[in-house]
Amino acid sequence: MLNKMKHEMPGISASPYRPLDEGGVRSVADAAFEVLAKSGMAVHSPTAFEAFRAAGAQVDADTRNVRLSRSLVEDAIDSNP
């Protein structure tokens, strides 16, 4: 085993990948919406920061943090073709 290249050594075995079902996708989306609404994200681009402010996001100019409500994100998604 010592003579094998690193890429030839077995890794940690895991169960086969299975795509998320509809409930799993919904859970991931809900968690993402919660993070955007509660924690937000840092936005250092002045242009992007002002665009979020103009769109109705909650912004903190001192920390450059932007929080997005679920409805704001869903409206933005729905507005794209």
C-alpha atoms as a PDB file:
ATOM      1  CA  MET A   1       0.000   0.000   0.000  1.00  0.00           C
ATOM      2  CA  LEU A   2       2.894   2.361   0.611  1.00  0.00           C
ATOM      3  CA  ASN A   3       3.899   2.108  -3.055  1.00  0.00           C
ATOM      4  CA  LYS A   4       0.543   3.351  -4.327  1.00  0.00           C
ATOM      5  CA  MET A   5       0.119   6.912  -5.495  1.00  0.00           C
ATOM      6  CA  LYS A   6      -2.142   9.036  -3.322  1.00  0.00           C
ATOM      7  CA  HIS A   7      -4.899   9.125  -5.959  1.00  0.00           C
ATOM      8  CA  GLU A   8      -4.884   5.300  -6.085  1.00  0.00           C
ATOM      9  CA  MET A   9      -5.574   4.857  -2.366  1.00  0.00           C
ATOM     10  CA  PRO A  10      -9.170   4.226  -1.396  1.00  0.00           C
ATOM     11  CA  GLY A  11     -10.995   7.122   0.180  1.00  0.00           C
ATOM     12  CA  ILE A  12     -13.784   7.246   2.672  1.00  0.00           C
ATOM     13  CA  SER A  13     -16.674   5.179   1.457  1.00  0.00           C
ATOM     14  CA  ALA A  14     -19.995   6.935   1.260  1.00  0.00           C
ATOM     15  CA  SER A  15     -23.472   6.161   0.096  1.00  0.00           C
ATOM     16  CA  PRO A  16     -24.229   6.838  -3.560  1.00  0.00           C
ATOM     17  CA  TYR A  17     -25.399  10.313  -4.467  1.00  0.00           C
ATOM     18  CA  ARG A  18     -29.127  10.735  -4.778  1.00  0.00           C
ATOM     19  CA  PRO A  19     -30.746  13.948  -5.999  1.00  0.00           C
ATOM     20  CA  LEU A  20     -32.887  15.805  -3.498  1.00  0.00           C
ATOM     21  CA  ASP A  21     -36.593  15.218  -3.656  1.00  0.00           C
ATOM     22  CA  GLU A  22     -38.982  18.164  -3.756  1.00  0.00           C
ATOM     23  CA  GLY A  23     -39.050  18.398   0.048  1.00  0.00           C
ATOM     24  CA  GLY A  24     -35.257  18.424   0.215  1.00  0.00           C
ATOM     25  CA  VAL A  25     -35.022  21.181  -2.380  1.00  0.00           C
ATOM     26  CA  ARG A  26     -37.613  23.188  -0.447  1.00  0.00           C
ATOM     27  CA  SER A  27     -35.636  22.729   2.793  1.00  0.00           C
ATOM     28  CA  VAL A  28     -32.424  24.006   1.196  1.00  0.00           C
ATOM     29  CA  ALA A  29     -34.236  26.985  -0.346  1.00  0.00           C
ATOM     30  CA  ASP A  30     -35.947  27.824   2.958  1.00  0.00           C
ATOM     31  CA  ALA A  31     -32.594  27.737   4.770  1.00  0.00           C
ATOM     32  CA  ALA A  32     -31.039  30.037   2.144  1.00  0.00           C
ATOM     33  CA  PHE A  33     -33.928  32.497   2.443  1.00  0.00           C
ATOM     34  CA  GLU A  34     -33.532  32.476   6.231  1.00  0.00           C
ATOM     35  CA  VAL A  35     -29.802  33.238   6.027  1.00  0.00           C
ATOM     36  CA  LEU A  36     -30.386  36.116   3.599  1.00  0.00           C
ATOM     37  CA  ALA A  37     -33.143  37.582   5.796  1.00  0.00           C
ATOM     38  CA  LYS A  38     -31.547  37.137   9.227  1.00  0.00           C
ATOM     39  CA  SER A  39     -27.788  37.338   8.643  1.00  0.00           C
ATOM     40  CA  GLY A  40     -27.606  38.911   5.231  1.00  0.00           C
ATOM     41  CA  MET A  41     -24.369  39.334   3.357  1.00  0.00           C
ATOM     42  CA  ALA A  42     -21.570  41.856   3.104  1.00  0.00           C
ATOM     43  CA  VAL A  43     -21.720  43.914  -0.083  1.00  0.00           C
ATOM     44  CA  HIS A  44     -18.615  46.005  -0.723  1.00  0.00           C
ATOM     45  CA  SER A  45     -19.463  47.200  -4.214  1.00  0.00           C
ATOM     46  CA  PRO A  46     -20.957  50.703  -3.913  1.00  0.00           C
ATOM     47  CA  THR A  47     -23.053  50.112  -7.033  1.00  0.00           C
ATOM     48  CA  ALA A  48     -24.474  46.805  -5.774  1.00  0.00           C
ATOM     49  CA  PHE A  49     -25.031  48.212  -2.270  1.00  0.00           C
ATOM     50  CA  GLU A  50     -27.083  51.100  -3.648  1.00  0.00           C
ATOM     51  CA  ALA A  51     -29.006  48.762  -5.960  1.00  0.00           C
ATOM     52  CA  PHE A  52     -29.983  46.609  -2.971  1.00  0.00           C
ATOM     53  CA  ARG A  53     -30.980  49.736  -1.030  1.00  0.00           C
ATOM     54  CA  ALA A  54     -33.100  50.989  -3.967  1.00  0.00           C
ATOM     55  CA  ALA A  55     -34.776  47.587  -4.264  1.00  0.00           C
ATOM     56  CA  GLY A  56     -35.897  47.724  -0.634  1.00  0.00           C
ATOM     57  CA  ALA A  57     -33.306  45.590   1.139  1.00  0.00           C
ATOM     58  CA  GLN A  58     -32.380  46.384   4.738  1.00  0.00           C
ATOM     59  CA  VAL A  59     -28.895  47.889   4.570  1.00  0.00           C
ATOM     60  CA  ASP A  60     -26.313  48.933   7.147  1.00  0.00           C
ATOM     61  CA  ALA A  61     -23.907  51.456   5.652  1.00  0.00           C
ATOM     62  CA  ASP A  62     -21.373  51.050   8.503  1.00  0.00           C
ATOM     63  CA  THR A  63     -20.979  47.280   8.146  1.00  0.00           C
ATOM     64  CA  ARG A  64     -21.966  47.117   4.452  1.00  0.00           C
ATOM     65  CA  ASN A  65     -24.384  44.344   5.428  1.00  0.00           C
ATOM     66  CA  VAL A  66     -27.448  43.764   3.284  1.00  0.00           C
ATOM     67  CA  ARG A  67     -30.421  41.677   4.435  1.00  0.00           C
ATOM     68  CA  LEU A  68     -32.945  40.476   1.886  1.00  0.00           C
ATOM     69  CA  SER A  69     -36.504  39.488   2.678  1.00  0.00           C
ATOM     70  CA  ARG A  70     -37.835  36.337   1.098  1.00  0.00           C
ATOM     71  CA  SER A  71     -40.382  38.328  -0.896  1.00  0.00           C
ATOM     72  CA  LEU A  72     -37.664  40.618  -2.279  1.00  0.00           C
ATOM     73  CA  VAL A  73     -35.636  37.628  -3.475  1.00  0.00           C
ATOM     74  CA  GLU A  74     -38.682  35.807  -4.874  1.00  0.00           C
ATOM     75  CA  ASP A  75     -39.801  38.963  -6.724  1.00  0.00           C
ATOM     76  CA  ALA A  76     -36.318  39.319  -8.231  1.00  0.00           C
ATOM     77  CA  ILE A  77     -36.364  35.666  -9.342  1.00  0.00           C
ATOM     78  CA  ASP A  78     -39.856  36.011 -10.798  1.00  0.00           C
ATOM     79  CA  SER A  79     -38.863  39.131 -12.754  1.00  0.00           C
ATOM     80  CA  ASN A  80     -36.237  37.235 -14.737  1.00  0.00           C
ATOM     81  CA  PRO A  81     -37.240  35.411 -17.905  1.00  0.00           C
END
